[in-house]
Amino acid sequence: MARAVATALVAVLVAGCGGGGFFQRYEYEEDVYLSLDGSATVYVNSSIAALDALRGASLNADPRARVDRDAVRRFFATPLTHVMAVNESRRSGRRFVHVRLDVDDIRRLGETAPFSWSSYDLHLDGNRYVFQQNLGAGAGRPFGDPGWTGREVVAFRLHLPSRIEYHNAGAQGFKRGNILVWEQPLADRLHGVPRTFDAQMRTESILYSALSLFGVTIAAVAVLFAVVIVIVRRSGRRLERQEG
């Protein structure tokens, strides 16, 4: 329940900021909330022009045209990805779409057409979970003149459920709240410059640790309360004997 509320809030914030959060606006962004069992919630925030050029979506990038949400839903819906919401916005004269998907197994996400430019791996190695995403070439479709200036950036954001022990996102890519961000110029992404995203984390989820700590605290309070009751009762009995 808490995860659903959190991801819903993120969707509202991301959509409200045009697909790049408060501090950086991206032309294309994949935002992955990963669970240790391999399931994930994925947000894709992209201009239609970038979605066509990078992922071959074949949508109408004309800024005067209405966004065909059903077409966006059909593009992202696969047996392995479940489209939960499609929203839209407008920025810099271009239309953007914001898609939320539930993924049963992140390790199979690369088998789907919308994410086929990547391969994903999540496995246990000793006392750590290891995540790796290998990003290859995009669809390479012609994109006309969407109004890009050459300063556009794409991003791949990863929200991990456990304490991060290692990553290759660099100092700037490690954010508070166990979030990693890898950025790449849109021009490099259009030319298919490969990237590899690595992260290693503990086997115990942050939520489990928090609940465990909460449980230990409650148990300690209960024990202390019981001790106080015993002490009070014994004191009361001693007073009764003295009065008697």
C-alpha atoms as a PDB file:
ATOM      1  CA  MET A   1       0.000   0.000   0.000  1.00  0.00           C
ATOM      2  CA  ALA A   2       2.791   2.429   0.963  1.00  0.00           C
ATOM      3  CA  ARG A   3       4.669   1.685  -2.255  1.00  0.00           C
ATOM      4  CA  ALA A   4       1.548   2.300  -4.340  1.00  0.00           C
ATOM      5  CA  VAL A   5       0.964   5.673  -2.671  1.00  0.00           C
ATOM      6  CA  ALA A   6       4.605   6.668  -3.101  1.00  0.00           C
ATOM      7  CA  THR A   7       4.733   5.743  -6.772  1.00  0.00           C
ATOM      8  CA  ALA A   8       1.448   7.529  -7.424  1.00  0.00           C
ATOM      9  CA  LEU A   9       2.834  10.686  -5.859  1.00  0.00           C
ATOM     10  CA  VAL A  10       5.965  10.383  -7.972  1.00  0.00           C
ATOM     11  CA  ALA A  11       3.852  10.094 -11.109  1.00  0.00           C
ATOM     12  CA  VAL A  12       2.023  13.314 -10.253  1.00  0.00           C
ATOM     13  CA  LEU A  13       5.249  15.164  -9.513  1.00  0.00           C
ATOM     14  CA  VAL A  14       6.998  13.924 -12.620  1.00  0.00           C
ATOM     15  CA  ALA A  15       4.075  14.737 -14.882  1.00  0.00           C
ATOM     16  CA  GLY A  16       3.746  18.159 -13.313  1.00  0.00           C
ATOM     17  CA  CYS A  17       7.382  18.925 -14.012  1.00  0.00           C
ATOM     18  CA  GLY A  18       7.261  17.845 -17.635  1.00  0.00           C
ATOM     19  CA  GLY A  19       9.102  14.559 -17.280  1.00  0.00           C
ATOM     20  CA  GLY A  20      12.289  15.511 -15.506  1.00  0.00           C
ATOM     21  CA  GLY A  21      11.590  16.135 -11.872  1.00  0.00           C
ATOM     22  CA  PHE A  22      12.196  19.474 -10.167  1.00  0.00           C
ATOM     23  CA  PHE A  23      15.861  19.942 -11.054  1.00  0.00           C
ATOM     24  CA  GLN A  24      16.445  18.452 -14.501  1.00  0.00           C
ATOM     25  CA  ARG A  25      14.128  18.092 -17.456  1.00  0.00           C
ATOM     26  CA  TYR A  26      14.815  15.146 -19.702  1.00  0.00           C
ATOM     27  CA  GLU A  27      13.750  14.518 -23.267  1.00  0.00           C
ATOM     28  CA  TYR A  28      13.453  10.819 -22.485  1.00  0.00           C
ATOM     29  CA  GLU A  29      13.533   9.132 -19.081  1.00  0.00           C
ATOM     30  CA  GLU A  30      13.115   5.627 -17.683  1.00  0.00           C
ATOM     31  CA  ASP A  31      12.409   5.577 -13.949  1.00  0.00           C
ATOM     32  CA  VAL A  32      12.557   2.114 -12.341  1.00  0.00           C
ATOM     33  CA  TYR A  33      11.349   1.255  -8.834  1.00  0.00           C
ATOM     34  CA  LEU A  34      12.875  -2.165  -8.183  1.00  0.00           C
ATOM     35  CA  SER A  35      11.895  -4.834  -5.659  1.00  0.00           C
ATOM     36  CA  LEU A  36      14.207  -7.589  -4.465  1.00  0.00           C
ATOM     37  CA  ASP A  37      11.949 -10.258  -5.973  1.00  0.00           C
ATOM     38  CA  GLY A  38      12.544  -8.777  -9.444  1.00  0.00           C
ATOM     39  CA  SER A  39       9.176  -7.076  -9.830  1.00  0.00           C
ATOM     40  CA  ALA A  40       9.232  -3.376 -10.623  1.00  0.00           C
ATOM     41  CA  THR A  41       7.218  -0.284 -11.362  1.00  0.00           C
ATOM     42  CA  VAL A  42       8.542   1.601 -14.385  1.00  0.00           C
ATOM     43  CA  TYR A  43       7.769   5.138 -15.474  1.00  0.00           C
ATOM     44  CA  VAL A  44       8.610   6.320 -18.970  1.00  0.00           C
ATOM     45  CA  ASN A  45       8.537  10.080 -19.478  1.00  0.00           C
ATOM     46  CA  SER A  46       9.323  11.133 -23.023  1.00  0.00           C
ATOM     47  CA  SER A  47       8.567  13.569 -25.777  1.00  0.00           C
ATOM     48  CA  ILE A  48       6.671  11.864 -28.553  1.00  0.00           C
ATOM     49  CA  ALA A  49       9.475  12.798 -30.953  1.00  0.00           C
ATOM     50  CA  ALA A  50      12.047  11.012 -28.767  1.00  0.00           C
ATOM     51  CA  LEU A  51       9.773   8.017 -28.286  1.00  0.00           C
ATOM     52  CA  ASP A  52       9.419   7.699 -32.061  1.00  0.00           C
ATOM     53  CA  ALA A  53      13.114   8.185 -32.833  1.00  0.00           C
ATOM     54  CA  LEU A  54      14.525   6.087 -29.997  1.00  0.00           C
ATOM     55  CA  ARG A  55      11.917   3.359 -29.557  1.00  0.00           C
ATOM     56  CA  GLY A  56      10.144   3.309 -32.923  1.00  0.00           C
ATOM     57  CA  ALA A  57       6.728   4.083 -31.473  1.00  0.00           C
ATOM     58  CA  SER A  58       5.293   5.514 -34.737  1.00  0.00           C
ATOM     59  CA  LEU A  59       3.195   8.122 -32.939  1.00  0.00           C
ATOM     60  CA  ASN A  60       2.240  11.504 -34.364  1.00  0.00           C
ATOM     61  CA  ALA A  61       4.915  13.960 -33.182  1.00  0.00           C
ATOM     62  CA  ASP A  62       3.133  16.986 -34.622  1.00  0.00           C
ATOM     63  CA  PRO A  63       2.761  19.361 -31.626  1.00  0.00           C
ATOM     64  CA  ARG A  64      -0.641  20.436 -32.975  1.00  0.00           C
ATOM     65  CA  ALA A  65      -1.967  16.877 -32.930  1.00  0.00           C
ATOM     66  CA  ARG A  66      -3.766  15.377 -29.959  1.00  0.00           C
ATOM     67  CA  VAL A  67      -1.970  12.618 -28.105  1.00  0.00           C
ATOM     68  CA  ASP A  68      -3.441   9.231 -28.934  1.00  0.00           C
ATOM     69  CA  ARG A  69      -3.346   7.680 -25.487  1.00  0.00           C
ATOM     70  CA  ASP A  70      -4.764   4.402 -26.745  1.00  0.00           C
ATOM     71  CA  ALA A  71      -1.884   4.120 -29.228  1.00  0.00           C
ATOM     72  CA  VAL A  72       0.603   4.844 -26.429  1.00  0.00           C
ATOM     73  CA  ARG A  73      -1.039   2.183 -24.279  1.00  0.00           C
ATOM     74  CA  ARG A  74      -0.930  -0.359 -27.098  1.00  0.00           C
ATOM     75  CA  PHE A  75       2.756   0.330 -27.708  1.00  0.00           C
ATOM     76  CA  PHE A  76       3.750  -0.316 -24.088  1.00  0.00           C
ATOM     77  CA  ALA A  77       1.311  -3.133 -23.299  1.00  0.00           C
ATOM     78  CA  THR A  78       2.886  -6.600 -23.565  1.00  0.00           C
ATOM     79  CA  PRO A  79       2.428  -9.933 -21.770  1.00  0.00           C
ATOM     80  CA  LEU A  80       5.283  -8.844 -19.480  1.00  0.00           C
ATOM     81  CA  THR A  81       4.327  -5.189 -18.945  1.00  0.00           C
ATOM     82  CA  HIS A  82       1.030  -3.921 -17.574  1.00  0.00           C
ATOM     83  CA  VAL A  83       0.132  -0.322 -18.383  1.00  0.00           C
ATOM     84  CA  MET A  84      -1.412   1.320 -15.322  1.00  0.00           C
ATOM     85  CA  ALA A  85      -1.638   4.946 -16.448  1.00  0.00           C
ATOM     86  CA  VAL A  86      -0.962   7.219 -19.425  1.00  0.00           C
ATOM     87  CA  ASN A  87      -0.748  10.983 -19.001  1.00  0.00           C
ATOM     88  CA  GLU A  88       0.465  13.818 -21.190  1.00  0.00           C
ATOM     89  CA  SER A  89       2.004  17.275 -20.958  1.00  0.00           C
ATOM     90  CA  ARG A  90       3.546  19.919 -23.182  1.00  0.00           C
ATOM     91  CA  ARG A  91       6.962  21.550 -22.953  1.00  0.00           C
ATOM     92  CA  SER A  92       9.239  23.511 -25.297  1.00  0.00           C
ATOM     93  CA  GLY A  93       6.655  23.245 -28.047  1.00  0.00           C
ATOM     94  CA  ARG A  94       6.623  19.437 -27.881  1.00  0.00           C
ATOM     95  CA  ARG A  95       4.126  16.968 -26.504  1.00  0.00           C
ATOM     96  CA  PHE A  96       5.262  14.541 -23.794  1.00  0.00           C
ATOM     97  CA  VAL A  97       3.746  11.319 -22.537  1.00  0.00           C
ATOM     98  CA  HIS A  98       4.095   9.831 -19.052  1.00  0.00           C
ATOM     99  CA  VAL A  99       3.471   6.109 -18.765  1.00  0.00           C
ATOM    100  CA  ARG A 100       3.370   3.953 -15.661  1.00  0.00           C
ATOM    101  CA  LEU A 101       3.880   0.203 -16.026  1.00  0.00           C
ATOM    102  CA  ASP A 102       3.983  -2.715 -13.619  1.00  0.00           C
ATOM    103  CA  VAL A 103       6.611  -5.312 -14.528  1.00  0.00           C
ATOM    104  CA  ASP A 104       6.472  -8.852 -13.184  1.00  0.00           C
ATOM    105  CA  ASP A 105      10.177  -9.610 -13.711  1.00  0.00           C
ATOM    106  CA  ILE A 106      12.740  -6.934 -14.552  1.00  0.00           C
ATOM    107  CA  ARG A 107      15.050  -9.650 -15.905  1.00  0.00           C
ATOM    108  CA  ARG A 108      12.640 -10.225 -18.815  1.00  0.00           C
ATOM    109  CA  LEU A 109      11.881  -6.600 -19.567  1.00  0.00           C
ATOM    110  CA  GLY A 110      14.354  -6.560 -22.461  1.00  0.00           C
ATOM    111  CA  GLU A 111      12.206  -9.161 -24.237  1.00  0.00           C
ATOM    112  CA  THR A 112       9.540  -6.515 -24.843  1.00  0.00           C
ATOM    113  CA  ALA A 113       9.658  -4.150 -27.824  1.00  0.00           C
ATOM    114  CA  PRO A 114       9.524  -0.887 -25.820  1.00  0.00           C
ATOM    115  CA  PHE A 115      12.599  -1.910 -23.790  1.00  0.00           C
ATOM    116  CA  SER A 116      14.411  -4.172 -26.253  1.00  0.00           C
ATOM    117  CA  TRP A 117      17.400  -1.829 -26.433  1.00  0.00           C
ATOM    118  CA  SER A 118      18.398  -3.033 -22.954  1.00  0.00           C
ATOM    119  CA  SER A 119      19.193  -6.291 -21.255  1.00  0.00           C
ATOM    120  CA  TYR A 120      18.554  -6.551 -17.516  1.00  0.00           C
ATOM    121  CA  ASP A 121      19.981  -8.801 -14.852  1.00  0.00           C
ATOM    122  CA  LEU A 122      19.258  -9.164 -11.140  1.00  0.00           C
ATOM    123  CA  HIS A 123      20.858 -11.954  -9.163  1.00  0.00           C
ATOM    124  CA  LEU A 124      22.157 -12.834  -5.719  1.00  0.00           C
ATOM    125  CA  ASP A 125      25.936 -12.908  -5.357  1.00  0.00           C
ATOM    126  CA  GLY A 126      26.930 -13.927  -1.849  1.00  0.00           C
ATOM    127  CA  ASN A 127      25.446 -11.375   0.523  1.00  0.00           C
ATOM    128  CA  ARG A 128      24.568  -8.853  -2.182  1.00  0.00           C
ATOM    129  CA  TYR A 129      22.013  -8.428  -4.909  1.00  0.00           C
ATOM    130  CA  VAL A 130      23.599  -7.362  -8.189  1.00  0.00           C
ATOM    131  CA  PHE A 131      21.669  -5.339 -10.774  1.00  0.00           C
ATOM    132  CA  GLN A 132      22.986  -4.607 -14.262  1.00  0.00           C
ATOM    133  CA  GLN A 133      21.429  -2.958 -17.286  1.00  0.00           C
ATOM    134  CA  ASN A 134      23.226  -2.980 -20.625  1.00  0.00           C
ATOM    135  CA  LEU A 135      21.886  -0.278 -22.921  1.00  0.00           C
ATOM    136  CA  GLY A 136      22.394  -0.673 -26.665  1.00  0.00           C
ATOM    137  CA  ALA A 137      21.250   1.074 -29.813  1.00  0.00           C
ATOM    138  CA  GLY A 138      17.784   2.525 -30.214  1.00  0.00           C
ATOM    139  CA  ALA A 139      15.338   2.223 -33.100  1.00  0.00           C
ATOM    140  CA  GLY A 140      17.252   4.759 -35.176  1.00  0.00           C
ATOM    141  CA  ARG A 141      14.170   6.119 -36.911  1.00  0.00           C
ATOM    142  CA  PRO A 142      14.245   9.455 -38.791  1.00  0.00           C
ATOM    143  CA  PHE A 143      12.873  12.228 -36.619  1.00  0.00           C
ATOM    144  CA  GLY A 144      12.635  15.311 -38.829  1.00  0.00           C
ATOM    145  CA  ASP A 145      12.934  18.575 -36.908  1.00  0.00           C
ATOM    146  CA  PRO A 146      11.381  18.294 -33.434  1.00  0.00           C
ATOM    147  CA  GLY A 147      13.005  21.551 -32.350  1.00  0.00           C
ATOM    148  CA  TRP A 148      15.889  19.965 -30.480  1.00  0.00           C
ATOM    149  CA  THR A 149      18.779  22.303 -29.701  1.00  0.00           C
ATOM    150  CA  GLY A 150      21.479  19.701 -29.067  1.00  0.00           C
ATOM    151  CA  ARG A 151      21.428  20.259 -25.306  1.00  0.00           C
ATOM    152  CA  GLU A 152      18.753  17.654 -24.614  1.00  0.00           C
ATOM    153  CA  VAL A 153      19.543  14.859 -22.144  1.00  0.00           C
ATOM    154  CA  VAL A 154      18.106  11.408 -21.516  1.00  0.00           C
ATOM    155  CA  ALA A 155      18.202   9.669 -18.155  1.00  0.00           C
ATOM    156  CA  PHE A 156      17.838   6.280 -16.545  1.00  0.00           C
ATOM    157  CA  ARG A 157      16.866   6.412 -12.878  1.00  0.00           C
ATOM    158  CA  LEU A 158      16.917   3.448 -10.497  1.00  0.00           C
ATOM    159  CA  HIS A 159      15.235   3.353  -7.084  1.00  0.00           C
ATOM    160  CA  LEU A 160      16.700   0.496  -5.030  1.00  0.00           C
ATOM    161  CA  PRO A 161      14.950  -1.159  -2.070  1.00  0.00           C
ATOM    162  CA  SER A 162      18.130  -1.848  -0.059  1.00  0.00           C
ATOM    163  CA  ARG A 163      21.236  -0.026   1.022  1.00  0.00           C
ATOM    164  CA  ILE A 164      23.549   0.500  -1.945  1.00  0.00           C
ATOM    165  CA  GLU A 165      26.986  -1.050  -1.555  1.00  0.00           C
ATOM    166  CA  TYR A 166      28.372  -0.235  -5.015  1.00  0.00           C
ATOM    167  CA  HIS A 167      27.360   1.619  -8.186  1.00  0.00           C
ATOM    168  CA  ASN A 168      28.935   3.147 -11.269  1.00  0.00           C
ATOM    169  CA  ALA A 169      26.678   6.217 -11.475  1.00  0.00           C
ATOM    170  CA  GLY A 170      29.392   8.483 -10.091  1.00  0.00           C
ATOM    171  CA  ALA A 171      29.143  10.959  -7.242  1.00  0.00           C
ATOM    172  CA  GLN A 172      26.641  13.142  -9.107  1.00  0.00           C
ATOM    173  CA  GLY A 173      24.479  10.143  -9.950  1.00  0.00           C
ATOM    174  CA  PHE A 174      23.916   9.026  -6.357  1.00  0.00           C
ATOM    175  CA  LYS A 175      20.897  10.773  -4.878  1.00  0.00           C
ATOM    176  CA  ARG A 176      19.331  10.699  -1.446  1.00  0.00           C
ATOM    177  CA  GLY A 177      16.825   7.947  -0.834  1.00  0.00           C
ATOM    178  CA  ASN A 178      18.766   5.137  -2.530  1.00  0.00           C
ATOM    179  CA  ILE A 179      18.337   6.607  -6.005  1.00  0.00           C
ATOM    180  CA  LEU A 180      20.844   6.298  -8.828  1.00  0.00           C
ATOM    181  CA  VAL A 181      20.739   8.347 -12.031  1.00  0.00           C
ATOM    182  CA  TRP A 182      22.676   7.818 -15.236  1.00  0.00           C
ATOM    183  CA  GLU A 183      22.477  10.589 -17.839  1.00  0.00           C
ATOM    184  CA  GLN A 184      23.427  10.648 -21.497  1.00  0.00           C
ATOM    185  CA  PRO A 185      23.206  13.366 -24.171  1.00  0.00           C
ATOM    186  CA  LEU A 186      20.276  12.763 -26.477  1.00  0.00           C
ATOM    187  CA  ALA A 187      22.653  12.994 -29.448  1.00  0.00           C
ATOM    188  CA  ASP A 188      24.669  10.036 -28.097  1.00  0.00           C
ATOM    189  CA  ARG A 189      21.515   8.050 -27.470  1.00  0.00           C
ATOM    190  CA  LEU A 190      20.313   8.720 -31.011  1.00  0.00           C
ATOM    191  CA  HIS A 191      23.645   7.361 -32.272  1.00  0.00           C
ATOM    192  CA  GLY A 192      23.343   4.273 -30.070  1.00  0.00           C
ATOM    193  CA  VAL A 193      26.345   4.926 -27.822  1.00  0.00           C
ATOM    194  CA  PRO A 194      26.178   1.983 -25.362  1.00  0.00           C
ATOM    195  CA  ARG A 195      26.057   2.334 -21.596  1.00  0.00           C
ATOM    196  CA  THR A 196      26.199  -0.123 -18.712  1.00  0.00           C
ATOM    197  CA  PHE A 197      24.515   0.588 -15.391  1.00  0.00           C
ATOM    198  CA  ASP A 198      25.774  -1.369 -12.375  1.00  0.00           C
ATOM    199  CA  ALA A 199      24.515  -1.425  -8.796  1.00  0.00           C
ATOM    200  CA  GLN A 200      24.938  -3.737  -5.830  1.00  0.00           C
ATOM    201  CA  MET A 201      22.787  -3.700  -2.722  1.00  0.00           C
ATOM    202  CA  ARG A 202      22.227  -5.528   0.531  1.00  0.00           C
ATOM    203  CA  THR A 203      19.893  -8.506   0.667  1.00  0.00           C
ATOM    204  CA  GLU A 204      17.643  -6.955   3.291  1.00  0.00           C
ATOM    205  CA  SER A 205      15.173  -4.348   2.135  1.00  0.00           C
ATOM    206  CA  ILE A 206      15.048  -0.950   3.791  1.00  0.00           C
ATOM    207  CA  LEU A 207      11.342  -1.446   4.525  1.00  0.00           C
ATOM    208  CA  TYR A 208      12.032  -4.783   6.225  1.00  0.00           C
ATOM    209  CA  SER A 209      14.803  -3.213   8.302  1.00  0.00           C
ATOM    210  CA  ALA A 210      12.542  -0.346   9.312  1.00  0.00           C
ATOM    211  CA  LEU A 211       9.725  -2.725  10.256  1.00  0.00           C
ATOM    212  CA  SER A 212      12.169  -4.926  12.195  1.00  0.00           C
ATOM    213  CA  LEU A 213      13.471  -1.913  14.088  1.00  0.00           C
ATOM    214  CA  PHE A 214       9.906  -0.804  14.765  1.00  0.00           C
ATOM    215  CA  GLY A 215       9.036  -4.300  16.006  1.00  0.00           C
ATOM    216  CA  VAL A 216      12.068  -4.426  18.302  1.00  0.00           C
ATOM    217  CA  THR A 217      11.182  -1.002  19.678  1.00  0.00           C
ATOM    218  CA  ILE A 218       7.588  -2.038  20.356  1.00  0.00           C
ATOM    219  CA  ALA A 219       8.781  -5.241  22.041  1.00  0.00           C
ATOM    220  CA  ALA A 220      11.221  -3.295  24.214  1.00  0.00           C
ATOM    221  CA  VAL A 221       8.470  -0.868  25.239  1.00  0.00           C
ATOM    222  CA  ALA A 222       6.169  -3.791  26.048  1.00  0.00           C
ATOM    223  CA  VAL A 223       8.844  -5.445  28.209  1.00  0.00           C
ATOM    224  CA  LEU A 224       9.554  -2.179  29.995  1.00  0.00           C
ATOM    225  CA  PHE A 225       5.838  -1.662  30.574  1.00  0.00           C
ATOM    226  CA  ALA A 226       5.537  -5.176  32.013  1.00  0.00           C
ATOM    227  CA  VAL A 227       8.505  -4.571  34.321  1.00  0.00           C
ATOM    228  CA  VAL A 228       6.953  -1.327  35.562  1.00  0.00           C
ATOM    229  CA  ILE A 229       3.657  -3.124  36.267  1.00  0.00           C
ATOM    230  CA  VAL A 230       5.464  -5.853  38.235  1.00  0.00           C
ATOM    231  CA  ILE A 231       7.390  -3.265  40.244  1.00  0.00           C
ATOM    232  CA  VAL A 232       4.221  -1.288  40.996  1.00  0.00           C
ATOM    233  CA  ARG A 233       2.360  -4.423  42.098  1.00  0.00           C
ATOM    234  CA  ARG A 234       5.206  -5.543  44.390  1.00  0.00           C
ATOM    235  CA  SER A 235       5.422  -2.074  45.879  1.00  0.00           C
ATOM    236  CA  GLY A 236       1.684  -2.135  46.511  1.00  0.00           C
ATOM    237  CA  ARG A 237       1.897  -5.518  48.252  1.00  0.00           C
ATOM    238  CA  ARG A 238       4.727  -4.333  50.487  1.00  0.00           C
ATOM    239  CA  LEU A 239       2.699  -1.288  51.488  1.00  0.00           C
ATOM    240  CA  GLU A 240      -0.304  -3.485  52.313  1.00  0.00           C
ATOM    241  CA  ARG A 241       1.832  -5.737  54.515  1.00  0.00           C
ATOM    242  CA  GLN A 242       3.332  -2.764  56.317  1.00  0.00           C
ATOM    243  CA  GLU A 243      -0.102  -1.245  56.926  1.00  0.00           C
ATOM    244  CA  GLY A 244      -1.436  -4.574  58.117  1.00  0.00           C
END
